[in-house]
Every structure is written in structure tokens, then in C-alpha cells.
C-alpha atoms as a PDB file:
ATOM      1  CA  MET A   1      24.136  20.900 -25.201  1.00  0.00           C
ATOM      2  CA  MET A   2      22.091  23.338 -21.836  1.00  0.00           C
ATOM      3  CA  ARG A   3      21.660  26.554 -24.185  1.00  0.00           C
ATOM      4  CA  THR A   4      19.104  24.244 -27.564  1.00  0.00           C
ATOM      5  CA  PHE A   5      17.276  22.740 -23.665  1.00  0.00           C
ATOM      6  CA  SER A   6      17.251  26.207 -22.312  1.00  0.00           C
ATOM      7  CA  LEU A   7      15.941  27.815 -25.767  1.00  0.00           C
ATOM      8  CA  SER A   8      13.490  24.862 -26.466  1.00  0.00           C
ATOM      9  CA  LEU A   9      11.995  25.875 -22.650  1.00  0.00           C
ATOM     10  CA  ILE A  10      11.428  29.734 -23.613  1.00  0.00           C
ATOM     11  CA  SER A  11       9.250  28.339 -27.100  1.00  0.00           C
ATOM     12  CA  LEU A  12       8.067  26.044 -25.030  1.00  0.00           C
ATOM     13  CA  PHE A  13       6.681  28.991 -22.617  1.00  0.00           C
ATOM     14  CA  LEU A  14       5.906  31.817 -25.622  1.00  0.00           C
ATOM     15  CA  LEU A  15       4.218  28.919 -27.447  1.00  0.00           C
ATOM     16  CA  GLY A  16       1.773  28.518 -24.437  1.00  0.00           C
ATOM     17  CA  LEU A  17       1.431  32.665 -24.185  1.00  0.00           C
ATOM     18  CA  LEU A  18       0.486  32.756 -27.641  1.00  0.00           C
ATOM     19  CA  SER A  19      -2.266  29.914 -27.496  1.00  0.00           C
ATOM     20  CA  ARG A  20      -3.949  31.679 -24.403  1.00  0.00           C
ATOM     21  CA  CYS A  21      -3.937  34.745 -26.189  1.00  0.00           C
ATOM     22  CA  ALA A  22      -7.553  35.614 -28.191  1.00  0.00           C
ATOM     23  CA  THR A  23      -7.166  36.264 -31.778  1.00  0.00           C
ATOM     24  CA  PRO A  24      -9.301  37.753 -34.611  1.00  0.00           C
ATOM     25  CA  GLY A  25     -11.891  35.302 -35.716  1.00  0.00           C
ATOM     26  CA  SER A  26     -10.930  32.860 -32.892  1.00  0.00           C
ATOM     27  CA  ALA A  27     -13.694  31.394 -30.254  1.00  0.00           C
ATOM     28  CA  ALA A  28     -14.261  33.166 -27.400  1.00  0.00           C
ATOM     29  CA  PRO A  29     -14.036  31.376 -23.803  1.00  0.00           C
ATOM     30  CA  ASP A  30     -17.432  31.704 -23.129  1.00  0.00           C
ATOM     31  CA  THR A  31     -18.509  29.450 -26.057  1.00  0.00           C
ATOM     32  CA  ALA A  32     -16.639  26.332 -24.676  1.00  0.00           C
ATOM     33  CA  PRO A  33     -19.070  23.396 -24.291  1.00  0.00           C
ATOM     34  CA  ASP A  34     -19.929  22.755 -20.725  1.00  0.00           C
ATOM     35  CA  SER A  35     -19.749  18.937 -21.092  1.00  0.00           C
ATOM     36  CA  VAL A  36     -17.702  16.596 -22.259  1.00  0.00           C
ATOM     37  CA  THR A  37     -18.005  16.810 -26.405  1.00  0.00           C
ATOM     38  CA  PHE A  38     -17.130  12.999 -28.458  1.00  0.00           C
ATOM     39  CA  TYR A  39     -16.398  13.663 -31.753  1.00  0.00           C
ATOM     40  CA  GLY A  40     -15.669  11.634 -35.245  1.00  0.00           C
ATOM     41  CA  ALA A  41     -17.476   9.021 -37.800  1.00  0.00           C
ATOM     42  CA  GLN A  42     -20.743   7.020 -36.237  1.00  0.00           C
ATOM     43  CA  THR A  43     -20.061   4.664 -38.329  1.00  0.00           C
ATOM     44  CA  THR A  44     -17.219   3.548 -35.537  1.00  0.00           C
ATOM     45  CA  PRO A  45     -17.827   2.037 -32.101  1.00  0.00           C
ATOM     46  CA  PHE A  46     -15.534   4.795 -30.613  1.00  0.00           C
ATOM     47  CA  SER A  47     -14.841   8.420 -30.754  1.00  0.00           C
ATOM     48  CA  ALA A  48     -11.334   9.650 -32.618  1.00  0.00           C
ATOM     49  CA  GLY A  49     -11.190  12.650 -30.054  1.00  0.00           C
ATOM     50  CA  ALA A  50     -13.377  14.204 -26.914  1.00  0.00           C
ATOM     51  CA  ILE A  51     -13.140  17.749 -25.904  1.00  0.00           C
ATOM     52  CA  VAL A  52     -12.796  17.774 -22.022  1.00  0.00           C
ATOM     53  CA  PRO A  53     -13.947  21.718 -20.741  1.00  0.00           C
ATOM     54  CA  ALA A  54     -12.127  23.457 -17.967  1.00  0.00           C
ATOM     55  CA  GLY A  55     -13.757  22.759 -14.135  1.00  0.00           C
ATOM     56  CA  HIS A  56     -14.075  19.080 -14.907  1.00  0.00           C
ATOM     57  CA  THR A  57     -11.464  16.681 -13.269  1.00  0.00           C
ATOM     58  CA  LEU A  58      -8.782  14.031 -15.523  1.00  0.00           C
ATOM     59  CA  HIS A  59      -9.356  10.955 -13.336  1.00  0.00           C
ATOM     60  CA  ILE A  60      -6.177   8.625 -15.191  1.00  0.00           C
ATOM     61  CA  THR A  61      -5.422   4.505 -14.615  1.00  0.00           C
ATOM     62  CA  ALA A  62      -2.689   3.058 -14.659  1.00  0.00           C
ATOM     63  CA  GLY A  63      -1.726  -0.040 -16.462  1.00  0.00           C
ATOM     64  CA  THR A  64      -4.464  -2.148 -15.745  1.00  0.00           C
ATOM     65  CA  VAL A  65      -4.421  -6.036 -15.827  1.00  0.00           C
ATOM     66  CA  ALA A  66      -7.163  -9.034 -15.629  1.00  0.00           C
ATOM     67  CA  PRO A  67      -7.136 -10.953 -12.089  1.00  0.00           C
ATOM     68  CA  LEU A  68      -5.078 -14.112 -11.077  1.00  0.00           C
ATOM     69  CA  LEU A  69      -7.815 -17.050 -12.498  1.00  0.00           C
ATOM     70  CA  ASP A  70      -5.730 -19.783 -10.944  1.00  0.00           C
ATOM     71  CA  SER A  71      -3.105 -19.353  -9.033  1.00  0.00           C
ATOM     72  CA  ALA A  72      -2.575 -23.250  -9.040  1.00  0.00           C
ATOM     73  CA  ALA A  73      -2.254 -22.830 -12.773  1.00  0.00           C
ATOM     74  CA  ALA A  74       0.740 -23.470 -14.369  1.00  0.00           C
ATOM     75  CA  PRO A  75       2.849 -20.310 -15.508  1.00  0.00           C
ATOM     76  CA  GLY A  76       2.368 -19.593 -19.472  1.00  0.00           C
ATOM     77  CA  SER A  77      -1.312 -21.372 -19.331  1.00  0.00           C
ATOM     78  CA  SER A  78      -4.243 -19.586 -20.611  1.00  0.00           C
ATOM     79  CA  ALA A  79      -5.402 -21.175 -17.199  1.00  0.00           C
ATOM     80  CA  ARG A  80      -4.302 -18.788 -14.909  1.00  0.00           C
ATOM     81  CA  TYR A  81      -6.116 -15.652 -16.211  1.00  0.00           C
ATOM     82  CA  GLY A  82      -7.256 -16.978 -19.211  1.00  0.00           C
ATOM     83  CA  ASP A  83      -7.298 -15.947 -23.460  1.00  0.00           C
ATOM     84  CA  THR A  84      -7.273 -12.359 -24.719  1.00  0.00           C
ATOM     85  CA  TYR A  85     -11.506 -11.699 -24.286  1.00  0.00           C
ATOM     86  CA  THR A  86     -11.423 -13.441 -20.479  1.00  0.00           C
ATOM     87  CA  GLN A  87      -8.713 -10.786 -19.561  1.00  0.00           C
ATOM     88  CA  ALA A  88     -10.644  -8.227 -21.399  1.00  0.00           C
ATOM     89  CA  VAL A  89     -13.285  -8.167 -19.819  1.00  0.00           C
ATOM     90  CA  GLY A  90     -12.167  -9.280 -16.641  1.00  0.00           C
ATOM     91  CA  ALA A  91      -9.478  -5.590 -17.354  1.00  0.00           C
ATOM     92  CA  LEU A  92     -12.669  -3.779 -17.603  1.00  0.00           C
ATOM     93  CA  ARG A  93     -13.772  -4.971 -14.765  1.00  0.00           C
ATOM     94  CA  ARG A  94     -11.042  -3.726 -12.811  1.00  0.00           C
ATOM     95  CA  ILE A  95     -11.533  -0.289 -14.035  1.00  0.00           C
ATOM     96  CA  ASP A  96     -14.634   0.030 -13.747  1.00  0.00           C
ATOM     97  CA  ALA A  97     -14.362  -0.657 -10.224  1.00  0.00           C
ATOM     98  CA  ASN A  98     -11.561   1.571  -9.457  1.00  0.00           C
ATOM     99  CA  LEU A  99     -13.541   4.151 -11.143  1.00  0.00           C
ATOM    100  CA  GLN A 100     -16.623   3.446  -8.947  1.00  0.00           C
ATOM    101  CA  GLN A 101     -14.495   3.927  -5.778  1.00  0.00           C
ATOM    102  CA  HIS A 102     -14.586   7.673  -6.618  1.00  0.00           C
ATOM    103  CA  GLY A 103     -17.904   8.347  -8.323  1.00  0.00           C
ATOM    104  CA  LEU A 104     -17.761   7.516 -11.620  1.00  0.00           C
ATOM    105  CA  SER A 105     -18.377   4.855 -13.751  1.00  0.00           C
ATOM    106  CA  LEU A 106     -17.445   3.115 -17.782  1.00  0.00           C
ATOM    107  CA  ALA A 107     -19.504   5.621 -18.819  1.00  0.00           C
ATOM    108  CA  ASP A 108     -17.387   8.744 -17.472  1.00  0.00           C
ATOM    109  CA  VAL A 109     -14.294   7.418 -19.386  1.00  0.00           C
ATOM    110  CA  VAL A 110     -13.149   9.653 -22.129  1.00  0.00           C
ATOM    111  CA  GLN A 111      -9.983   7.626 -23.529  1.00  0.00           C
ATOM    112  CA  LEU A 112      -8.939   4.078 -23.555  1.00  0.00           C
ATOM    113  CA  ARG A 113      -5.921   2.323 -25.011  1.00  0.00           C
ATOM    114  CA  ALA A 114      -5.445  -1.261 -25.112  1.00  0.00           C
ATOM    115  CA  PHE A 115      -2.077  -2.849 -25.433  1.00  0.00           C
ATOM    116  CA  LEU A 116      -1.942  -5.973 -26.827  1.00  0.00           C
ATOM    117  CA  GLY A 117       0.567  -9.052 -27.204  1.00  0.00           C
ATOM    118  CA  PRO A 118       1.079 -11.918 -28.664  1.00  0.00           C
ATOM    119  CA  ASP A 119      -1.206 -15.282 -27.974  1.00  0.00           C
ATOM    120  CA  SER A 120      -0.245 -19.025 -28.290  1.00  0.00           C
ATOM    121  CA  THR A 121      -0.847 -18.443 -31.995  1.00  0.00           C
ATOM    122  CA  GLY A 122       2.032 -15.697 -31.753  1.00  0.00           C
ATOM    123  CA  ALA A 123       0.466 -12.521 -32.209  1.00  0.00           C
ATOM    124  CA  PRO A 124      -1.905 -10.516 -30.639  1.00  0.00           C
ATOM    125  CA  ASP A 125      -6.247 -11.911 -30.206  1.00  0.00           C
ATOM    126  CA  PHE A 126      -7.469  -7.993 -31.783  1.00  0.00           C
ATOM    127  CA  GLN A 127     -11.062  -9.547 -32.743  1.00  0.00           C
ATOM    128  CA  ALA A 128     -11.280 -11.050 -28.720  1.00  0.00           C
ATOM    129  CA  TRP A 129     -10.060  -7.353 -27.870  1.00  0.00           C
ATOM    130  CA  PHE A 130     -13.215  -6.143 -29.729  1.00  0.00           C
ATOM    131  CA  LYS A 131     -15.164  -8.526 -28.602  1.00  0.00           C
ATOM    132  CA  ALA A 132     -14.886  -7.525 -24.285  1.00  0.00           C
ATOM    133  CA  TYR A 133     -15.176  -3.556 -25.246  1.00  0.00           C
ATOM    134  CA  GLY A 134     -18.285  -3.625 -27.174  1.00  0.00           C
ATOM    135  CA  GLU A 135     -19.403  -5.795 -24.301  1.00  0.00           C
ATOM    136  CA  PHE A 136     -18.326  -2.089 -22.402  1.00  0.00           C
ATOM    137  CA  PHE A 137     -18.832   0.558 -24.591  1.00  0.00           C
ATOM    138  CA  ASN A 138     -21.015   1.432 -27.400  1.00  0.00           C
ATOM    139  CA  ASN A 139     -24.139  -0.593 -26.522  1.00  0.00           C
ATOM    140  CA  GLU A 140     -27.275   0.156 -25.288  1.00  0.00           C
ATOM    141  CA  THR A 141     -26.078  -0.104 -21.221  1.00  0.00           C
ATOM    142  CA  ASN A 142     -23.416   1.802 -22.436  1.00  0.00           C
ATOM    143  CA  PRO A 143     -23.434   3.790 -25.490  1.00  0.00           C
ATOM    144  CA  THR A 144     -20.473   5.940 -24.552  1.00  0.00           C
ATOM    145  CA  ARG A 145     -17.719   5.989 -27.850  1.00  0.00           C
ATOM    146  CA  PRO A 146     -14.182   6.763 -26.008  1.00  0.00           C
ATOM    147  CA  ALA A 147     -11.169   7.963 -28.241  1.00  0.00           C
ATOM    148  CA  ARG A 148      -9.486   4.520 -28.600  1.00  0.00           C
ATOM    149  CA  SER A 149      -6.065   3.235 -29.062  1.00  0.00           C
ATOM    150  CA  THR A 150      -5.302  -0.047 -29.524  1.00  0.00           C
ATOM    151  CA  LEU A 151      -1.301  -2.046 -30.355  1.00  0.00           C
ATOM    152  CA  GLY A 152      -0.037  -4.473 -30.470  1.00  0.00           C
ATOM    153  CA  VAL A 153       3.306  -5.286 -28.360  1.00  0.00           C
ATOM    154  CA  SER A 154       5.703  -7.918 -28.341  1.00  0.00           C
ATOM    155  CA  HIS A 155       5.052  -8.717 -24.614  1.00  0.00           C
ATOM    156  CA  LEU A 156       4.174  -7.878 -21.584  1.00  0.00           C
ATOM    157  CA  VAL A 157       6.662  -6.956 -18.560  1.00  0.00           C
ATOM    158  CA  ASN A 158       4.562 -10.569 -17.118  1.00  0.00           C
ATOM    159  CA  PRO A 159       4.595 -12.836 -19.533  1.00  0.00           C
ATOM    160  CA  ASP A 160       1.000 -14.154 -18.776  1.00  0.00           C
ATOM    161  CA  MET A 161      -0.485 -11.328 -19.664  1.00  0.00           C
ATOM    162  CA  LEU A 162      -1.992 -10.594 -23.158  1.00  0.00           C
ATOM    163  CA  ILE A 163      -3.663  -7.594 -22.415  1.00  0.00           C
ATOM    164  CA  GLU A 164      -3.624  -4.334 -20.204  1.00  0.00           C
ATOM    165  CA  LEU A 165      -5.495  -0.969 -20.628  1.00  0.00           C
ATOM    166  CA  GLU A 166      -5.170   3.000 -19.631  1.00  0.00           C
ATOM    167  CA  ALA A 167      -8.182   4.631 -19.235  1.00  0.00           C
ATOM    168  CA  VAL A 168      -8.797   8.875 -18.240  1.00  0.00           C
ATOM    169  CA  ALA A 169     -12.537   9.044 -17.542  1.00  0.00           C
ATOM    170  CA  VAL A 170     -13.754  12.727 -16.382  1.00  0.00           C
ATOM    171  CA  GLN A 171     -15.572  13.757 -13.642  1.00  0.00           C
ATOM    172  CA  LYS A 172     -18.050  16.743 -14.408  1.00  0.00           C
ATOM    173  CA  LYS A 173     -17.669  19.900 -12.439  1.00  0.00           C
ATOM    174  CA  GLU A 174     -20.530  20.190 -10.106  1.00  0.00           C
END
């Protein structure tokens, strides 16, 4: 077992070294983009991926949920944190506030991951999430189309939570 683990580490190390070596026909380091580049079909509200050039700083948020709306509301009721749409808007506002503390905004987000739990119907409300997303991304105010994953899950840690978001934002080099 230990030998397999050691060989795996050595293999990863060598693979890393090889990936840094220039090969005939490979792009020279000076051809790398100076700014974040998004790629993928323009017909979707999100990008297939993003290329982050060297020298940029990544800001990674932990799972972010909506704020409590009504502490007197019964646990499990939508009055406590809201429906999926309300929670998605609340979580996106929290991420934006977190980023603003570091001089960034949602326009700097390059990757977004959404975990949706089932609502009162027993299924995740993807349309509510897509609606909230569209109010913050891929619009006239913020044309950024981050790479995005949306996952339906059986439940989140807090049963009142219907959505949890993770974001990666990039701070441009000075």
C-alpha cells in the first residue's frame, strides 16, 4: 500500500515537471493571456470554462447560504429563510458583500457552484436558481458569464437551506 502511494506521488511529481517543459509546437509562455479569458458557447448564460493568467489572485468562498429572514418562523417553513429564489438572491448578495470587502465584485467571479436541495415539492427548484442567477450574471449590469455547475442534492446540512453557493473570483494583477 505504501509503495503504491509513493509511486503515485513520484508519478504526479514527474507529470508536473513534464507539463512545465516546452515541447515542439507548444505555446510559448509569453503568449499566455494577460487577463481572464472565458470560453464556450455564447448561447448559454454561463461559460464552459475560464483561463486565469499567472499573477492573478484567486478568492475562493466557502459554501454560502441565505441569511435568516424570520427567526420566529417555524423551522422548516419557507418564512424562515425563503424559497429557493429568495435564498439564492440572499446567498449571491452575501458573496458580493464578501468580495467587496476585498475590492472585488460579482463581475470578478470566474467559477460558481450551486448545490440545490429539495423544496416543499420534494425536488430542487432549478428554475428559481436560474432566475436569481440571471439577475446577477450575464446581463447588462454584469455581463460576466462564469463557469458554473449546478447540482441537485438530497439535502443540505441545515434542512431549512435550499441552496448553497461557492464562488471563485479573480483579482487582476496590478
